[in-house]
Amino acid sequence: MGNDRVPVVIGVVLFVLLTPGLLFQLPGRKRAVEFANMQTSGISIFIDTILFFGFITIFLIAIGVHITSG
């Protein structure tokens, strides 16, 4: 077990940024993209889940982001 906390930090940051309705909602209720409307829908949750999975895969597996200590 190492002290590699970067994957956890990246996961938390992506989770917060991709929360539907916080920064943006894709698709929005009236437009394709709405910003800071604090609302959500089922399709918006699904799209944000796909985006989260894609970004976390790119950052953690493809690029191999990590920090080791000690």
Protein backbone atom coordinates (compact mmCIF):
# COMPACT_ATOMS: atom_id res chain seq x y z
CA MET A 1 0.00 0.00 0.00
CA GLY A 2 1.43 3.30 -1.06
CA ASN A 3 0.64 6.90 -0.38
CA ASP A 4 -0.65 7.50 -3.88
CA ARG A 5 -3.58 9.88 -3.36
CA VAL A 6 -3.72 11.48 -6.80
CA PRO A 7 -6.27 9.02 -8.28
CA VAL A 8 -8.62 9.76 -5.39
CA VAL A 9 -8.19 13.53 -5.80
CA ILE A 10 -8.75 13.32 -9.56
CA GLY A 11 -11.89 11.22 -9.00
CA VAL A 12 -13.31 13.68 -6.45
CA VAL A 13 -12.55 16.73 -8.61
CA LEU A 14 -14.13 15.15 -11.69
CA PHE A 15 -17.16 14.06 -9.66
CA VAL A 16 -17.73 17.59 -8.38
CA LEU A 17 -17.10 19.27 -11.74
CA LEU A 18 -19.30 16.85 -13.66
CA THR A 19 -22.24 16.95 -11.24
CA PRO A 20 -25.23 17.64 -13.51
CA GLY A 21 -26.44 21.22 -13.16
CA LEU A 22 -23.53 22.50 -11.05
CA LEU A 23 -21.35 23.96 -13.81
CA PHE A 24 -23.27 22.79 -16.85
CA GLN A 25 -26.05 20.45 -17.88
CA LEU A 26 -25.76 18.50 -21.11
CA PRO A 27 -28.46 18.30 -22.56
CA GLY A 28 -30.32 21.11 -20.85
CA ARG A 29 -34.05 21.33 -20.41
CA LYS A 30 -34.54 24.14 -22.95
CA ARG A 31 -31.19 24.27 -24.79
CA ALA A 32 -28.47 21.80 -25.71
CA VAL A 33 -26.19 23.08 -22.93
CA GLU A 34 -27.28 25.10 -19.92
CA PHE A 35 -24.88 26.57 -17.37
CA ALA A 36 -25.35 26.66 -13.58
CA ASN A 37 -29.07 25.90 -13.61
CA MET A 38 -28.92 23.51 -10.59
CA GLN A 39 -31.37 21.09 -12.24
CA THR A 40 -30.87 17.65 -13.69
CA SER A 41 -32.54 14.92 -15.72
CA GLY A 42 -31.98 11.23 -16.30
CA ILE A 43 -30.30 11.71 -19.68
CA SER A 44 -28.06 14.40 -18.21
CA ILE A 45 -26.95 12.02 -15.44
CA PHE A 46 -26.24 9.33 -18.03
CA ILE A 47 -24.15 11.66 -20.23
CA ASP A 48 -22.18 12.96 -17.24
CA THR A 49 -21.51 9.37 -16.15
CA ILE A 50 -20.09 8.56 -19.59
CA LEU A 51 -17.96 11.74 -19.49
CA PHE A 52 -16.71 10.88 -15.98
CA PHE A 53 -15.75 7.36 -17.04
CA GLY A 54 -13.95 8.68 -20.13
CA PHE A 55 -11.99 11.34 -18.25
CA ILE A 56 -11.05 9.07 -15.34
CA THR A 57 -9.88 6.44 -17.82
CA ILE A 58 -7.76 8.96 -19.71
CA PHE A 59 -6.19 10.44 -16.59
CA LEU A 60 -5.56 7.26 -14.60
CA ILE A 61 -4.92 4.58 -17.19
CA ALA A 62 -3.86 6.17 -20.47
CA ILE A 63 -1.71 8.97 -19.03
CA GLY A 64 -0.85 7.14 -15.81
CA VAL A 65 -1.09 10.12 -13.46
CA HIS A 66 0.40 9.29 -10.06
CA ILE A 67 2.60 10.74 -7.37
CA THR A 68 4.77 8.58 -5.18
CA SER A 69 6.23 9.65 -1.88
CA GLY A 70 9.06 8.32 0.21
